[in-house]
Amino acid sequence: SGGSGHYRGGDGIIRRLRFNEPMTVTTLSSHRRVSPHGACGGDDGLPGENGVERANGLFERLSGNDQSELSEGDVFVIKTPGGGGYGAPG
């Protein structure tokens, strides 16, 4: 997920949290709509994503600043953004 460049941007990570009882989840995160910018000709990194995989298989995408009610068996998924690259690729 890191942007291309002479020095490639770092990749984001994926965290998956399964809930064993009903819970309210609140997120406060950035770079979910706007990609992290590259510098000095480097490409942008990919934006992050927040969401809930429901126990019934449906996926509900959340915005960067959001709240959701989770039930037993639901999985909260956080994909952090990649960093922008530095310097022109190649």
Protein backbone atom coordinates (compact mmCIF):
# COMPACT_ATOMS: atom_id res chain seq x y z
CA SER A 1 0.00 0.00 0.00
CA GLY A 2 3.06 2.26 0.09
CA GLY A 3 3.56 4.69 -2.79
CA SER A 4 6.27 4.09 -5.41
CA GLY A 5 9.36 6.23 -5.39
CA HIS A 6 13.15 6.17 -5.21
CA TYR A 7 12.34 5.33 -1.58
CA ARG A 8 9.06 3.43 -1.44
CA GLY A 9 6.51 4.46 1.18
CA GLY A 10 5.86 2.04 4.02
CA ASP A 11 2.96 -0.41 3.80
CA GLY A 12 -0.01 -0.20 6.13
CA ILE A 13 -1.20 -3.06 8.32
CA ILE A 14 -4.48 -4.90 8.75
CA ARG A 15 -5.92 -5.46 12.23
CA ARG A 16 -8.92 -7.73 12.76
CA LEU A 17 -10.69 -7.71 16.14
CA ARG A 18 -13.45 -10.27 16.76
CA PHE A 19 -15.97 -9.39 19.45
CA ASN A 20 -17.32 -12.01 21.85
CA GLU A 21 -20.16 -9.82 23.14
CA PRO A 22 -22.13 -6.78 21.92
CA MET A 23 -20.04 -3.61 21.85
CA THR A 24 -20.02 -0.07 20.49
CA VAL A 25 -16.97 0.76 18.36
CA THR A 26 -15.96 4.36 17.67
CA THR A 27 -13.20 5.26 15.22
CA LEU A 28 -11.19 8.46 14.92
CA SER A 29 -8.76 8.02 12.04
CA SER A 30 -7.43 9.96 9.07
CA HIS A 31 -6.37 9.28 5.48
CA ARG A 32 -9.49 7.26 4.69
CA ARG A 33 -10.58 9.51 1.78
CA VAL A 34 -7.37 11.38 0.91
CA SER A 35 -4.28 9.30 0.19
CA PRO A 36 -1.03 10.08 2.03
CA HIS A 37 0.94 12.27 -0.37
CA GLY A 38 4.27 11.34 -1.91
CA ALA A 39 7.14 13.85 -1.84
CA CYS A 40 9.65 15.06 -4.45
CA GLY A 41 7.99 13.06 -7.25
CA GLY A 42 7.05 10.00 -5.19
CA ASP A 43 3.60 8.46 -5.65
CA ASP A 44 0.83 8.66 -3.07
CA GLY A 45 0.22 5.74 -0.73
CA LEU A 46 -3.15 3.98 -0.62
CA PRO A 47 -5.76 5.31 1.80
CA GLY A 48 -6.82 3.24 4.79
CA GLU A 49 -10.18 1.62 5.41
CA ASN A 50 -12.32 0.82 8.45
CA GLY A 51 -15.15 -1.67 8.40
CA VAL A 52 -17.16 -4.37 10.10
CA GLU A 53 -17.46 -7.95 8.88
CA ARG A 54 -20.80 -9.03 10.25
CA ALA A 55 -21.23 -12.57 11.57
CA ASN A 56 -23.68 -13.16 8.67
CA GLY A 57 -20.92 -12.42 6.09
CA LEU A 58 -21.90 -8.87 5.12
CA PHE A 59 -19.23 -6.13 5.11
CA GLU A 60 -20.13 -2.64 6.34
CA ARG A 61 -17.65 0.08 5.41
CA LEU A 62 -17.14 2.82 7.98
CA SER A 63 -15.83 6.34 7.47
CA GLY A 64 -12.66 7.56 9.19
CA ASN A 65 -14.65 9.07 12.06
CA ASP A 66 -17.59 6.79 12.74
CA GLN A 67 -19.44 4.63 15.23
CA SER A 68 -21.03 1.20 14.88
CA GLU A 69 -22.82 -1.32 17.09
CA LEU A 70 -21.18 -4.75 16.91
CA SER A 71 -22.76 -8.04 17.88
CA GLU A 72 -21.17 -11.24 19.11
CA GLY A 73 -19.08 -12.75 16.28
CA ASP A 74 -18.68 -9.48 14.33
CA VAL A 75 -15.13 -8.52 13.29
CA PHE A 76 -13.87 -4.93 13.29
CA VAL A 77 -11.31 -4.44 10.49
CA ILE A 78 -8.78 -1.59 10.41
CA LYS A 79 -6.55 -1.17 7.34
CA THR A 80 -4.04 1.59 7.97
CA PRO A 81 -2.90 3.76 5.04
CA GLY A 82 0.41 3.26 3.27
CA GLY A 83 3.01 6.02 3.29
CA GLY A 84 3.74 8.19 0.29
CA GLY A 85 6.93 7.45 -1.68
CA TYR A 86 9.91 9.82 -1.80
CA GLY A 87 11.66 10.74 -5.03
CA ALA A 88 10.75 9.85 -8.60
CA PRO A 89 10.26 6.11 -9.22
CA GLY A 90 12.80 4.33 -11.39
